[in-house]
Amino acid sequence: MGQPLGKETFANSGWRTALRKYMEMDERGCFNADPLDTTYEETLDQVATGRAVGVVQVASVLSEPRAAAPELPRPLREHLIQAVGVLG
């Protein structure tokens, strides 16, 4: 499983791919300018109004995206809720 002990390198690891994807998302504006200064309520509003793709939260908040965006088409709303559930 994996590379032999002592043969691991960052350049050949999955972390490099993950970091590259993260940096690409950042360059495309996928993250808030100051995510540590964004309230939970602001994240719900951003998702509900289409200004954010998703939010990472715990499963206990699954009903809140549904309530925050009742006008969204059901498949989109359910996708957002599932994404919150999977990530949370």
PDB file of N, CA and C in Angstrom:
ATOM      1  N   MET A   1       0.849  -1.175   0.000  1.00  0.00           N
ATOM      2  CA  MET A   1       0.000   0.000   0.000  1.00  0.00           C
ATOM      3  C   MET A   1       0.894   1.238   0.000  1.00  0.00           C
ATOM      4  N   GLY A   2       0.722   2.114  -0.961  1.00  0.00           N
ATOM      5  CA  GLY A   2       1.506   3.334  -1.018  1.00  0.00           C
ATOM      6  C   GLY A   2       2.940   3.070  -1.422  1.00  0.00           C
ATOM      7  N   GLN A   3       3.795   4.012  -1.137  1.00  0.00           N
ATOM      8  CA  GLN A   3       5.209   3.893  -1.488  1.00  0.00           C
ATOM      9  C   GLN A   3       5.965   3.223  -0.342  1.00  0.00           C
ATOM     10  N   PRO A   4       7.081   2.558  -0.655  1.00  0.00           N
ATOM     11  CA  PRO A   4       7.885   1.940   0.402  1.00  0.00           C
ATOM     12  C   PRO A   4       8.355   2.990   1.408  1.00  0.00           C
ATOM     13  N   LEU A   5       8.513   2.571   2.635  1.00  0.00           N
ATOM     14  CA  LEU A   5       8.955   3.457   3.708  1.00  0.00           C
ATOM     15  C   LEU A   5      10.234   4.190   3.305  1.00  0.00           C
ATOM     16  N   GLY A   6      10.230   5.490   3.479  1.00  0.00           N
ATOM     17  CA  GLY A   6      11.392   6.299   3.149  1.00  0.00           C
ATOM     18  C   GLY A   6      11.453   6.756   1.703  1.00  0.00           C
ATOM     19  N   LYS A   7      10.490   6.365   0.888  1.00  0.00           N
ATOM     20  CA  LYS A   7      10.507   6.707  -0.535  1.00  0.00           C
ATOM     21  C   LYS A   7       9.445   7.751  -0.905  1.00  0.00           C
ATOM     22  N   GLU A   8       8.713   8.237   0.086  1.00  0.00           N
ATOM     23  CA  GLU A   8       7.658   9.197  -0.190  1.00  0.00           C
ATOM     24  C   GLU A   8       8.249  10.544  -0.595  1.00  0.00           C
ATOM     25  N   THR A   9       7.593  11.192  -1.538  1.00  0.00           N
ATOM     26  CA  THR A   9       7.974  12.554  -1.911  1.00  0.00           C
ATOM     27  C   THR A   9       6.707  13.373  -2.074  1.00  0.00           C
ATOM     28  N   PHE A  10       6.799  14.627  -1.717  1.00  0.00           N
ATOM     29  CA  PHE A  10       5.644  15.504  -1.883  1.00  0.00           C
ATOM     30  C   PHE A  10       5.290  15.643  -3.356  1.00  0.00           C
ATOM     31  N   ALA A  11       6.298  15.701  -4.210  1.00  0.00           N
ATOM     32  CA  ALA A  11       6.074  15.909  -5.644  1.00  0.00           C
ATOM     33  C   ALA A  11       5.245  14.799  -6.270  1.00  0.00           C
ATOM     34  N   ASN A  12       5.312  13.601  -5.728  1.00  0.00           N
ATOM     35  CA  ASN A  12       4.575  12.470  -6.296  1.00  0.00           C
ATOM     36  C   ASN A  12       3.356  12.082  -5.473  1.00  0.00           C
ATOM     37  N   SER A  13       2.966  12.904  -4.532  1.00  0.00           N
ATOM     38  CA  SER A  13       1.855  12.546  -3.654  1.00  0.00           C
ATOM     39  C   SER A  13       0.537  13.158  -4.125  1.00  0.00           C
ATOM     40  N   GLY A  14      -0.547  12.655  -3.584  1.00  0.00           N
ATOM     41  CA  GLY A  14      -1.865  13.219  -3.861  1.00  0.00           C
ATOM     42  C   GLY A  14      -2.021  14.628  -3.309  1.00  0.00           C
ATOM     43  N   TRP A  15      -1.202  14.976  -2.316  1.00  0.00           N
ATOM     44  CA  TRP A  15      -1.285  16.313  -1.735  1.00  0.00           C
ATOM     45  C   TRP A  15      -0.939  17.383  -2.757  1.00  0.00           C
ATOM     46  N   ARG A  16      -0.006  17.098  -3.617  1.00  0.00           N
ATOM     47  CA  ARG A  16       0.377  18.076  -4.637  1.00  0.00           C
ATOM     48  C   ARG A  16      -0.803  18.349  -5.566  1.00  0.00           C
ATOM     49  N   THR A  17      -1.489  17.299  -5.977  1.00  0.00           N
ATOM     50  CA  THR A  17      -2.668  17.447  -6.835  1.00  0.00           C
ATOM     51  C   THR A  17      -3.757  18.224  -6.110  1.00  0.00           C
ATOM     52  N   ALA A  18      -3.994  17.865  -4.847  1.00  0.00           N
ATOM     53  CA  ALA A  18      -5.024  18.554  -4.068  1.00  0.00           C
ATOM     54  C   ALA A  18      -4.691  20.031  -3.901  1.00  0.00           C
ATOM     55  N   LEU A  19      -3.452  20.339  -3.604  1.00  0.00           N
ATOM     56  CA  LEU A  19      -3.048  21.734  -3.429  1.00  0.00           C
ATOM     57  C   LEU A  19      -3.172  22.505  -4.735  1.00  0.00           C
ATOM     58  N   ARG A  20      -2.817  21.874  -5.848  1.00  0.00           N
ATOM     59  CA  ARG A  20      -2.946  22.531  -7.155  1.00  0.00           C
ATOM     60  C   ARG A  20      -4.419  22.851  -7.445  1.00  0.00           C
ATOM     61  N   LYS A  21      -5.310  21.907  -7.148  1.00  0.00           N
ATOM     62  CA  LYS A  21      -6.743  22.146  -7.370  1.00  0.00           C
ATOM     63  C   LYS A  21      -7.263  23.245  -6.449  1.00  0.00           C
ATOM     64  N   TYR A  22      -6.805  23.247  -5.214  1.00  0.00           N
ATOM     65  CA  TYR A  22      -7.205  24.282  -4.274  1.00  0.00           C
ATOM     66  C   TYR A  22      -6.763  25.656  -4.772  1.00  0.00           C
ATOM     67  N   MET A  23      -5.522  25.758  -5.234  1.00  0.00           N
ATOM     68  CA  MET A  23      -5.002  27.033  -5.733  1.00  0.00           C
ATOM     69  C   MET A  23      -5.772  27.489  -6.973  1.00  0.00           C
ATOM     70  N   GLU A  24      -6.142  26.548  -7.836  1.00  0.00           N
ATOM     71  CA  GLU A  24      -6.936  26.898  -9.016  1.00  0.00           C
ATOM     72  C   GLU A  24      -8.305  27.432  -8.598  1.00  0.00           C
ATOM     73  N   MET A  25      -8.921  26.794  -7.611  1.00  0.00           N
ATOM     74  CA  MET A  25     -10.210  27.285  -7.118  1.00  0.00           C
ATOM     75  C   MET A  25     -10.062  28.683  -6.533  1.00  0.00           C
ATOM     76  N   ASP A  26      -8.983  28.919  -5.800  1.00  0.00           N
ATOM     77  CA  ASP A  26      -8.743  30.239  -5.222  1.00  0.00           C
ATOM     78  C   ASP A  26      -8.572  31.282  -6.319  1.00  0.00           C
ATOM     79  N   GLU A  27      -7.809  30.956  -7.355  1.00  0.00           N
ATOM     80  CA  GLU A  27      -7.596  31.887  -8.472  1.00  0.00           C
ATOM     81  C   GLU A  27      -8.895  32.204  -9.206  1.00  0.00           C
ATOM     82  N   ARG A  28      -9.829  31.273  -9.213  1.00  0.00           N
ATOM     83  CA  ARG A  28     -11.112  31.480  -9.895  1.00  0.00           C
ATOM     84  C   ARG A  28     -12.150  32.154  -8.996  1.00  0.00           C
ATOM     85  N   GLY A  29     -11.749  32.519  -7.790  1.00  0.00           N
ATOM     86  CA  GLY A  29     -12.646  33.249  -6.906  1.00  0.00           C
ATOM     87  C   GLY A  29     -13.636  32.388  -6.151  1.00  0.00           C
ATOM     88  N   CYS A  30     -13.295  31.134  -5.908  1.00  0.00           N
ATOM     89  CA  CYS A  30     -14.215  30.226  -5.221  1.00  0.00           C
ATOM     90  C   CYS A  30     -14.282  30.442  -3.715  1.00  0.00           C
ATOM     91  N   PHE A  31     -13.388  31.229  -3.162  1.00  0.00           N
ATOM     92  CA  PHE A  31     -13.353  31.427  -1.720  1.00  0.00           C
ATOM     93  C   PHE A  31     -13.529  32.904  -1.394  1.00  0.00           C
ATOM     94  N   ASN A  32     -14.071  33.177  -0.237  1.00  0.00           N
ATOM     95  CA  ASN A  32     -14.221  34.555   0.220  1.00  0.00           C
ATOM     96  C   ASN A  32     -12.848  35.192   0.394  1.00  0.00           C
ATOM     97  N   ALA A  33     -12.811  36.506   0.272  1.00  0.00           N
ATOM     98  CA  ALA A  33     -11.548  37.224   0.475  1.00  0.00           C
ATOM     99  C   ALA A  33     -11.038  37.017   1.898  1.00  0.00           C
ATOM    100  N   ASP A  34     -11.948  36.947   2.856  1.00  0.00           N
ATOM    101  CA  ASP A  34     -11.570  36.741   4.257  1.00  0.00           C
ATOM    102  C   ASP A  34     -12.516  35.716   4.871  1.00  0.00           C
ATOM    103  N   PRO A  35     -12.306  34.422   4.610  1.00  0.00           N
ATOM    104  CA  PRO A  35     -13.241  33.405   5.078  1.00  0.00           C
ATOM    105  C   PRO A  35     -13.371  33.335   6.592  1.00  0.00           C
ATOM    106  N   LEU A  36     -12.376  33.778   7.327  1.00  0.00           N
ATOM    107  CA  LEU A  36     -12.465  33.743   8.784  1.00  0.00           C
ATOM    108  C   LEU A  36     -13.350  34.852   9.330  1.00  0.00           C
ATOM    109  N   ASP A  37     -13.749  35.778   8.470  1.00  0.00           N
ATOM    110  CA  ASP A  37     -14.598  36.890   8.890  1.00  0.00           C
ATOM    111  C   ASP A  37     -16.004  36.763   8.299  1.00  0.00           C
ATOM    112  N   THR A  38     -16.377  35.559   7.855  1.00  0.00           N
ATOM    113  CA  THR A  38     -17.694  35.330   7.268  1.00  0.00           C
ATOM    114  C   THR A  38     -18.553  34.586   8.275  1.00  0.00           C
ATOM    115  N   THR A  39     -19.700  35.164   8.618  1.00  0.00           N
ATOM    116  CA  THR A  39     -20.564  34.510   9.598  1.00  0.00           C
ATOM    117  C   THR A  39     -21.322  33.351   8.959  1.00  0.00           C
ATOM    118  N   TYR A  40     -21.814  32.474   9.790  1.00  0.00           N
ATOM    119  CA  TYR A  40     -22.612  31.345   9.325  1.00  0.00           C
ATOM    120  C   TYR A  40     -23.817  31.849   8.530  1.00  0.00           C
ATOM    121  N   GLU A  41     -24.490  32.874   9.037  1.00  0.00           N
ATOM    122  CA  GLU A  41     -25.660  33.433   8.356  1.00  0.00           C
ATOM    123  C   GLU A  41     -25.293  33.988   6.982  1.00  0.00           C
ATOM    124  N   GLU A  42     -24.139  34.631   6.882  1.00  0.00           N
ATOM    125  CA  GLU A  42     -23.685  35.152   5.585  1.00  0.00           C
ATOM    126  C   GLU A  42     -23.446  34.017   4.594  1.00  0.00           C
ATOM    127  N   THR A  43     -22.895  32.897   5.066  1.00  0.00           N
ATOM    128  CA  THR A  43     -22.661  31.778   4.152  1.00  0.00           C
ATOM    129  C   THR A  43     -23.969  31.215   3.627  1.00  0.00           C
ATOM    130  N   LEU A  44     -24.988  31.110   4.486  1.00  0.00           N
ATOM    131  CA  LEU A  44     -26.298  30.630   4.027  1.00  0.00           C
ATOM    132  C   LEU A  44     -26.884  31.574   2.989  1.00  0.00           C
ATOM    133  N   ASP A  45     -26.782  32.873   3.235  1.00  0.00           N
ATOM    134  CA  ASP A  45     -27.299  33.858   2.287  1.00  0.00           C
ATOM    135  C   ASP A  45     -26.555  33.771   0.959  1.00  0.00           C
ATOM    136  N   GLN A  46     -25.250  33.595   1.002  1.00  0.00           N
ATOM    137  CA  GLN A  46     -24.465  33.503  -0.230  1.00  0.00           C
ATOM    138  C   GLN A  46     -24.860  32.282  -1.051  1.00  0.00           C
ATOM    139  N   VAL A  47     -25.089  31.152  -0.403  1.00  0.00           N
ATOM    140  CA  VAL A  47     -25.519  29.945  -1.117  1.00  0.00           C
ATOM    141  C   VAL A  47     -26.934  30.138  -1.654  1.00  0.00           C
ATOM    142  N   ALA A  48     -27.815  30.680  -0.831  1.00  0.00           N
ATOM    143  CA  ALA A  48     -29.219  30.850  -1.225  1.00  0.00           C
ATOM    144  C   ALA A  48     -29.390  31.817  -2.390  1.00  0.00           C
ATOM    145  N   THR A  49     -28.502  32.785  -2.512  1.00  0.00           N
ATOM    146  CA  THR A  49     -28.624  33.784  -3.581  1.00  0.00           C
ATOM    147  C   THR A  49     -27.695  33.505  -4.760  1.00  0.00           C
ATOM    148  N   GLY A  50     -27.014  32.366  -4.737  1.00  0.00           N
ATOM    149  CA  GLY A  50     -26.171  31.988  -5.861  1.00  0.00           C
ATOM    150  C   GLY A  50     -24.809  32.649  -5.894  1.00  0.00           C
ATOM    151  N   ARG A  51     -24.419  33.299  -4.813  1.00  0.00           N
ATOM    152  CA  ARG A  51     -23.096  33.930  -4.765  1.00  0.00           C
ATOM    153  C   ARG A  51     -22.028  32.983  -4.240  1.00  0.00           C
ATOM    154  N   ALA A  52     -22.443  31.799  -3.820  1.00  0.00           N
ATOM    155  CA  ALA A  52     -21.503  30.769  -3.366  1.00  0.00           C
ATOM    156  C   ALA A  52     -22.016  29.417  -3.834  1.00  0.00           C
ATOM    157  N   VAL A  53     -21.085  28.531  -4.119  1.00  0.00           N
ATOM    158  CA  VAL A  53     -21.440  27.192  -4.584  1.00  0.00           C
ATOM    159  C   VAL A  53     -21.841  26.306  -3.418  1.00  0.00           C
ATOM    160  N   GLY A  54     -21.246  26.500  -2.281  1.00  0.00           N
ATOM    161  CA  GLY A  54     -21.536  25.639  -1.144  1.00  0.00           C
ATOM    162  C   GLY A  54     -20.932  26.187   0.124  1.00  0.00           C
ATOM    163  N   VAL A  55     -21.185  25.448   1.171  1.00  0.00           N
ATOM    164  CA  VAL A  55     -20.682  25.809   2.485  1.00  0.00           C
ATOM    165  C   VAL A  55     -20.369  24.504   3.217  1.00  0.00           C
ATOM    166  N   VAL A  56     -19.306  24.496   3.970  1.00  0.00           N
ATOM    167  CA  VAL A  56     -18.941  23.305   4.732  1.00  0.00           C
ATOM    168  C   VAL A  56     -19.490  23.468   6.142  1.00  0.00           C
ATOM    169  N   GLN A  57     -20.401  22.571   6.518  1.00  0.00           N
ATOM    170  CA  GLN A  57     -21.011  22.606   7.837  1.00  0.00           C
ATOM    171  C   GLN A  57     -21.274  21.181   8.304  1.00  0.00           C
ATOM    172  N   VAL A  58     -21.705  21.034   9.516  1.00  0.00           N
ATOM    173  CA  VAL A  58     -22.051  19.719  10.055  1.00  0.00           C
ATOM    174  C   VAL A  58     -23.466  19.343   9.638  1.00  0.00           C
ATOM    175  N   ALA A  59     -23.787  18.062   9.677  1.00  0.00           N
ATOM    176  CA  ALA A  59     -25.063  17.550   9.185  1.00  0.00           C
ATOM    177  C   ALA A  59     -26.269  18.116   9.929  1.00  0.00           C
ATOM    178  N   SER A  60     -26.098  18.586  11.144  1.00  0.00           N
ATOM    179  CA  SER A  60     -27.241  19.075  11.914  1.00  0.00           C
ATOM    180  C   SER A  60     -27.865  20.331  11.323  1.00  0.00           C
ATOM    181  N   VAL A  61     -27.220  20.971  10.355  1.00  0.00           N
ATOM    182  CA  VAL A  61     -27.757  22.198   9.763  1.00  0.00           C
ATOM    183  C   VAL A  61     -28.411  21.960   8.406  1.00  0.00           C
ATOM    184  N   LEU A  62     -28.671  20.711   8.022  1.00  0.00           N
ATOM    185  CA  LEU A  62     -29.196  20.421   6.687  1.00  0.00           C
ATOM    186  C   LEU A  62     -30.506  21.124   6.374  1.00  0.00           C
ATOM    187  N   SER A  63     -31.348  21.359   7.351  1.00  0.00           N
ATOM    188  CA  SER A  63     -32.630  22.013   7.077  1.00  0.00           C
ATOM    189  C   SER A  63     -32.470  23.503   6.792  1.00  0.00           C
ATOM    190  N   GLU A  64     -31.395  24.108   7.228  1.00  0.00           N
ATOM    191  CA  GLU A  64     -31.239  25.551   7.064  1.00  0.00           C
ATOM    192  C   GLU A  64     -31.014  25.993   5.622  1.00  0.00           C
ATOM    193  N   PRO A  65     -30.191  25.310   4.802  1.00  0.00           N
ATOM    194  CA  PRO A  65     -30.112  25.719   3.386  1.00  0.00           C
ATOM    195  C   PRO A  65     -31.462  25.578   2.684  1.00  0.00           C
ATOM    196  N   ARG A  66     -32.219  24.570   3.049  1.00  0.00           N
ATOM    197  CA  ARG A  66     -33.549  24.366   2.465  1.00  0.00           C
ATOM    198  C   ARG A  66     -34.450  25.555   2.809  1.00  0.00           C
ATOM    199  N   ALA A  67     -34.401  26.007   4.041  1.00  0.00           N
ATOM    200  CA  ALA A  67     -35.232  27.134   4.460  1.00  0.00           C
ATOM    201  C   ALA A  67     -34.721  28.453   3.886  1.00  0.00           C
ATOM    202  N   ALA A  68     -33.417  28.569   3.716  1.00  0.00           N
ATOM    203  CA  ALA A  68     -32.833  29.818   3.222  1.00  0.00           C
ATOM    204  C   ALA A  68     -33.077  30.031   1.739  1.00  0.00           C
ATOM    205  N   ALA A  69     -33.350  28.959   0.996  1.00  0.00           N
ATOM    206  CA  ALA A  69     -33.513  29.078  -0.460  1.00  0.00           C
ATOM    207  C   ALA A  69     -34.716  28.283  -0.950  1.00  0.00           C
ATOM    208  N   PRO A  70     -35.912  28.555  -0.430  1.00  0.00           N
ATOM    209  CA  PRO A  70     -37.076  27.767  -0.849  1.00  0.00           C
ATOM    210  C   PRO A  70     -37.444  27.972  -2.313  1.00  0.00           C
ATOM    211  N   GLU A  71     -37.011  29.093  -2.918  1.00  0.00           N
ATOM    212  CA  GLU A  71     -37.374  29.374  -4.311  1.00  0.00           C
ATOM    213  C   GLU A  71     -36.469  28.672  -5.318  1.00  0.00           C
ATOM    214  N   LEU A  72     -35.348  28.122  -4.866  1.00  0.00           N
ATOM    215  CA  LEU A  72     -34.473  27.401  -5.787  1.00  0.00           C
ATOM    216  C   LEU A  72     -35.190  26.165  -6.316  1.00  0.00           C
ATOM    217  N   PRO A  73     -34.944  25.808  -7.575  1.00  0.00           N
ATOM    218  CA  PRO A  73     -35.526  24.568  -8.090  1.00  0.00           C
ATOM    219  C   PRO A  73     -35.107  23.402  -7.203  1.00  0.00           C
ATOM    220  N   ARG A  74     -36.017  22.485  -6.982  1.00  0.00           N
ATOM    221  CA  ARG A  74     -35.750  21.405  -6.041  1.00  0.00           C
ATOM    222  C   ARG A  74     -34.460  20.632  -6.328  1.00  0.00           C
ATOM    223  N   PRO A  75     -34.168  20.233  -7.585  1.00  0.00           N
ATOM    224  CA  PRO A  75     -32.917  19.484  -7.789  1.00  0.00           C
ATOM    225  C   PRO A  75     -31.682  20.267  -7.351  1.00  0.00           C
ATOM    226  N   LEU A  76     -31.648  21.572  -7.639  1.00  0.00           N
ATOM    227  CA  LEU A  76     -30.501  22.378  -7.238  1.00  0.00           C
ATOM    228  C   LEU A  76     -30.447  22.500  -5.723  1.00  0.00           C
ATOM    229  N   ARG A  77     -31.585  22.769  -5.112  1.00  0.00           N
ATOM    230  CA  ARG A  77     -31.639  22.913  -3.662  1.00  0.00           C
ATOM    231  C   ARG A  77     -31.219  21.611  -2.988  1.00  0.00           C
ATOM    232  N   GLU A  78     -31.712  20.480  -3.491  1.00  0.00           N
ATOM    233  CA  GLU A  78     -31.358  19.193  -2.900  1.00  0.00           C
ATOM    234  C   GLU A  78     -29.878  18.895  -3.106  1.00  0.00           C
ATOM    235  N   HIS A  79     -29.330  19.304  -4.249  1.00  0.00           N
ATOM    236  CA  HIS A  79     -27.900  19.106  -4.488  1.00  0.00           C
ATOM    237  C   HIS A  79     -27.083  19.908  -3.476  1.00  0.00           C
ATOM    238  N   LEU A  80     -27.483  21.142  -3.228  1.00  0.00           N
ATOM    239  CA  LEU A  80     -26.775  21.963  -2.245  1.00  0.00           C
ATOM    240  C   LEU A  80     -26.856  21.333  -0.868  1.00  0.00           C
ATOM    241  N   ILE A  81     -28.020  20.825  -0.527  1.00  0.00           N
ATOM    242  CA  ILE A  81     -28.204  20.205   0.784  1.00  0.00           C
ATOM    243  C   ILE A  81     -27.352  18.946   0.893  1.00  0.00           C
ATOM    244  N   GLN A  82     -27.321  18.134  -0.167  1.00  0.00           N
ATOM    245  CA  GLN A  82     -26.493  16.931  -0.148  1.00  0.00           C
ATOM    246  C   GLN A  82     -25.022  17.298  -0.037  1.00  0.00           C
ATOM    247  N   ALA A  83     -24.608  18.342  -0.740  1.00  0.00           N
ATOM    248  CA  ALA A  83     -23.207  18.763  -0.676  1.00  0.00           C
ATOM    249  C   ALA A  83     -22.851  19.196   0.736  1.00  0.00           C
ATOM    250  N   VAL A  84     -23.752  19.916   1.378  1.00  0.00           N
ATOM    251  CA  VAL A  84     -23.511  20.324   2.760  1.00  0.00           C
ATOM    252  C   VAL A  84     -23.413  19.086   3.639  1.00  0.00           C
ATOM    253  N   GLY A  85     -24.294  18.109   3.402  1.00  0.00           N
ATOM    254  CA  GLY A  85     -24.270  16.884   4.196  1.00  0.00           C
ATOM    255  C   GLY A  85     -23.000  16.081   3.998  1.00  0.00           C
ATOM    256  N   VAL A  86     -22.555  15.959   2.770  1.00  0.00           N
ATOM    257  CA  VAL A  86     -21.347  15.188   2.477  1.00  0.00           C
ATOM    258  C   VAL A  86     -20.123  15.863   3.064  1.00  0.00           C
ATOM    259  N   LEU A  87     -20.038  17.169   2.907  1.00  0.00           N
ATOM    260  CA  LEU A  87     -18.871  17.891   3.393  1.00  0.00           C
ATOM    261  C   LEU A  87     -18.904  18.098   4.894  1.00  0.00           C
ATOM    262  N   GLY A  88     -20.116  18.176   5.461  1.00  0.00           N
ATOM    263  CA  GLY A  88     -20.231  18.438   6.889  1.00  0.00           C
ATOM    264  C   GLY A  88     -20.031  17.212   7.666  1.00  0.00           C
TER     265      GLY A  88
END
